[in-house]
Amino acid sequence: MNITRQSLPSMTLAAALAVLGAGCGNSVSGTYSGKGSGMLDKLEFKSGGKVELSFMGAIQEGSFVVEDQRVKITNAGSTQIFRIDDKGCLDAGAILGRYCKQ
């Protein structure tokens, strides 16, 4: 790759914007509670990509990643995708329900 002095500022700006954009609107943290008919009581997002799933007093640990306005939660060998809506709530559809930050 041939980098010239003229292209270096453009590349630096593009890289900075990419890093800033990656952090905007594409993150989850803290506790999210079920709204309406949510199957789970709550989802508690921890550091290191860990999430605690609470259901009828039982808590299980899973892992999560955030990609393209979606949170992918893996627990017990299964992955469920939650869409991050325009209010920052997590929507997994009719069966698992919708969860909003407390």
C-alpha atoms as a PDB file:
ATOM      1  CA  MET A   1       0.000   0.000   0.000  1.00  0.00           C
ATOM      2  CA  ASN A   2       1.394   3.368  -1.024  1.00  0.00           C
ATOM      3  CA  ILE A   3       0.690   6.039   1.632  1.00  0.00           C
ATOM      4  CA  THR A   4       1.350   9.659   0.731  1.00  0.00           C
ATOM      5  CA  ARG A   5       1.399  12.684   3.012  1.00  0.00           C
ATOM      6  CA  GLN A   6      -1.878  13.860   1.505  1.00  0.00           C
ATOM      7  CA  SER A   7      -3.688  10.579   2.216  1.00  0.00           C
ATOM      8  CA  LEU A   8      -2.497  10.177   5.815  1.00  0.00           C
ATOM      9  CA  PRO A   9      -4.842  12.814   7.366  1.00  0.00           C
ATOM     10  CA  SER A  10      -7.827  11.316   5.507  1.00  0.00           C
ATOM     11  CA  MET A  11      -6.985   7.823   6.694  1.00  0.00           C
ATOM     12  CA  THR A  12      -6.539   9.036  10.291  1.00  0.00           C
ATOM     13  CA  LEU A  13      -9.909  10.819  10.234  1.00  0.00           C
ATOM     14  CA  ALA A  14     -11.657   7.779   8.739  1.00  0.00           C
ATOM     15  CA  ALA A  15     -10.166   5.498  11.398  1.00  0.00           C
ATOM     16  CA  ALA A  16     -11.188   7.883  14.202  1.00  0.00           C
ATOM     17  CA  LEU A  17     -14.762   8.088  12.887  1.00  0.00           C
ATOM     18  CA  ALA A  18     -14.965   4.312  12.636  1.00  0.00           C
ATOM     19  CA  VAL A  19     -13.877   3.912  16.270  1.00  0.00           C
ATOM     20  CA  LEU A  20     -16.305   6.578  17.493  1.00  0.00           C
ATOM     21  CA  GLY A  21     -19.162   5.163  15.440  1.00  0.00           C
ATOM     22  CA  ALA A  22     -18.619   1.691  16.779  1.00  0.00           C
ATOM     23  CA  GLY A  23     -19.393   2.889  20.293  1.00  0.00           C
ATOM     24  CA  CYS A  24     -22.537   4.871  19.504  1.00  0.00           C
ATOM     25  CA  GLY A  25     -25.891   3.158  19.911  1.00  0.00           C
ATOM     26  CA  ASN A  26     -24.344  -0.280  19.734  1.00  0.00           C
ATOM     27  CA  SER A  27     -23.751  -1.112  23.375  1.00  0.00           C
ATOM     28  CA  VAL A  28     -25.599  -2.646  26.274  1.00  0.00           C
ATOM     29  CA  SER A  29     -24.806  -2.516  29.981  1.00  0.00           C
ATOM     30  CA  GLY A  30     -26.621  -2.849  33.252  1.00  0.00           C
ATOM     31  CA  THR A  31     -29.990  -4.453  33.911  1.00  0.00           C
ATOM     32  CA  TYR A  32     -32.843  -4.828  31.429  1.00  0.00           C
ATOM     33  CA  SER A  33     -36.324  -5.862  32.660  1.00  0.00           C
ATOM     34  CA  GLY A  34     -39.078  -7.627  30.747  1.00  0.00           C
ATOM     35  CA  LYS A  35     -41.828  -5.410  29.366  1.00  0.00           C
ATOM     36  CA  GLY A  36     -45.259  -6.906  28.864  1.00  0.00           C
ATOM     37  CA  SER A  37     -45.001 -10.617  28.247  1.00  0.00           C
ATOM     38  CA  GLY A  38     -41.219 -11.060  28.505  1.00  0.00           C
ATOM     39  CA  MET A  39     -40.307 -14.680  29.225  1.00  0.00           C
ATOM     40  CA  LEU A  40     -37.240 -13.750  31.305  1.00  0.00           C
ATOM     41  CA  ASP A  41     -37.444 -11.641  34.460  1.00  0.00           C
ATOM     42  CA  LYS A  42     -34.315  -9.680  33.599  1.00  0.00           C
ATOM     43  CA  LEU A  43     -31.034  -9.620  31.706  1.00  0.00           C
ATOM     44  CA  GLU A  44     -27.999  -8.265  33.541  1.00  0.00           C
ATOM     45  CA  PHE A  45     -25.053  -7.392  31.288  1.00  0.00           C
ATOM     46  CA  LYS A  46     -21.650  -7.675  32.950  1.00  0.00           C
ATOM     47  CA  SER A  47     -18.131  -6.803  31.839  1.00  0.00           C
ATOM     48  CA  GLY A  48     -16.140  -9.205  29.700  1.00  0.00           C
ATOM     49  CA  GLY A  49     -19.064 -10.151  27.467  1.00  0.00           C
ATOM     50  CA  LYS A  50     -20.993 -11.964  30.222  1.00  0.00           C
ATOM     51  CA  VAL A  51     -24.744 -11.764  30.841  1.00  0.00           C
ATOM     52  CA  GLU A  52     -26.878 -13.167  33.654  1.00  0.00           C
ATOM     53  CA  LEU A  53     -30.329 -14.408  32.621  1.00  0.00           C
ATOM     54  CA  SER A  54     -32.964 -14.498  35.395  1.00  0.00           C
ATOM     55  CA  PHE A  55     -36.056 -16.708  35.083  1.00  0.00           C
ATOM     56  CA  MET A  56     -38.390 -17.565  37.986  1.00  0.00           C
ATOM     57  CA  GLY A  57     -35.665 -17.027  40.578  1.00  0.00           C
ATOM     58  CA  ALA A  58     -33.009 -19.053  38.737  1.00  0.00           C
ATOM     59  CA  ILE A  59     -29.971 -17.317  37.251  1.00  0.00           C
ATOM     60  CA  GLN A  60     -27.892 -18.669  34.395  1.00  0.00           C
ATOM     61  CA  GLU A  61     -24.766 -17.134  32.904  1.00  0.00           C
ATOM     62  CA  GLY A  62     -24.306 -16.653  29.191  1.00  0.00           C
ATOM     63  CA  SER A  63     -22.137 -14.631  26.873  1.00  0.00           C
ATOM     64  CA  PHE A  64     -23.049 -11.811  24.521  1.00  0.00           C
ATOM     65  CA  VAL A  65     -21.756  -9.775  21.608  1.00  0.00           C
ATOM     66  CA  VAL A  66     -23.212  -6.658  20.034  1.00  0.00           C
ATOM     67  CA  GLU A  67     -23.204  -6.455  16.235  1.00  0.00           C
ATOM     68  CA  ASP A  68     -25.201  -4.232  13.865  1.00  0.00           C
ATOM     69  CA  GLN A  69     -27.918  -3.092  16.301  1.00  0.00           C
ATOM     70  CA  ARG A  70     -28.323  -6.661  17.576  1.00  0.00           C
ATOM     71  CA  VAL A  71     -27.313  -8.393  20.784  1.00  0.00           C
ATOM     72  CA  LYS A  72     -26.449 -12.060  20.327  1.00  0.00           C
ATOM     73  CA  ILE A  73     -26.794 -13.973  23.603  1.00  0.00           C
ATOM     74  CA  THR A  74     -25.451 -17.506  23.838  1.00  0.00           C
ATOM     75  CA  ASN A  75     -26.514 -19.761  26.711  1.00  0.00           C
ATOM     76  CA  ALA A  76     -26.463 -23.566  27.016  1.00  0.00           C
ATOM     77  CA  GLY A  77     -25.295 -23.988  23.423  1.00  0.00           C
ATOM     78  CA  SER A  78     -28.080 -21.892  21.907  1.00  0.00           C
ATOM     79  CA  THR A  79     -27.905 -18.327  20.547  1.00  0.00           C
ATOM     80  CA  GLN A  80     -30.819 -15.877  20.640  1.00  0.00           C
ATOM     81  CA  ILE A  81     -30.723 -12.549  18.799  1.00  0.00           C
ATOM     82  CA  PHE A  82     -32.246  -9.435  20.384  1.00  0.00           C
ATOM     83  CA  ARG A  83     -32.774  -6.386  18.171  1.00  0.00           C
ATOM     84  CA  ILE A  84     -31.864  -3.020  19.751  1.00  0.00           C
ATOM     85  CA  ASP A  85     -34.855  -0.775  19.009  1.00  0.00           C
ATOM     86  CA  ASP A  86     -34.900   3.011  18.632  1.00  0.00           C
ATOM     87  CA  LYS A  87     -35.522   3.426  22.398  1.00  0.00           C
ATOM     88  CA  GLY A  88     -32.547   1.237  23.358  1.00  0.00           C
ATOM     89  CA  CYS A  89     -34.750  -1.680  24.401  1.00  0.00           C
ATOM     90  CA  LEU A  90     -33.935  -5.255  23.410  1.00  0.00           C
ATOM     91  CA  ASP A  91     -36.603  -7.044  21.375  1.00  0.00           C
ATOM     92  CA  ALA A  92     -36.450 -10.826  20.844  1.00  0.00           C
ATOM     93  CA  GLY A  93     -39.881 -11.222  19.277  1.00  0.00           C
ATOM     94  CA  ALA A  94     -43.182 -12.603  20.500  1.00  0.00           C
ATOM     95  CA  ILE A  95     -41.894 -15.611  22.459  1.00  0.00           C
ATOM     96  CA  LEU A  96     -38.999 -14.114  24.453  1.00  0.00           C
ATOM     97  CA  GLY A  97     -40.350 -10.575  24.522  1.00  0.00           C
ATOM     98  CA  ARG A  98     -38.941  -7.083  24.969  1.00  0.00           C
ATOM     99  CA  TYR A  99     -36.578  -5.800  27.676  1.00  0.00           C
ATOM    100  CA  CYS A 100     -35.766  -2.201  28.582  1.00  0.00           C
ATOM    101  CA  LYS A 101     -33.018  -0.773  30.771  1.00  0.00           C
ATOM    102  CA  GLN A 102     -34.004  -0.157  34.411  1.00  0.00           C
END
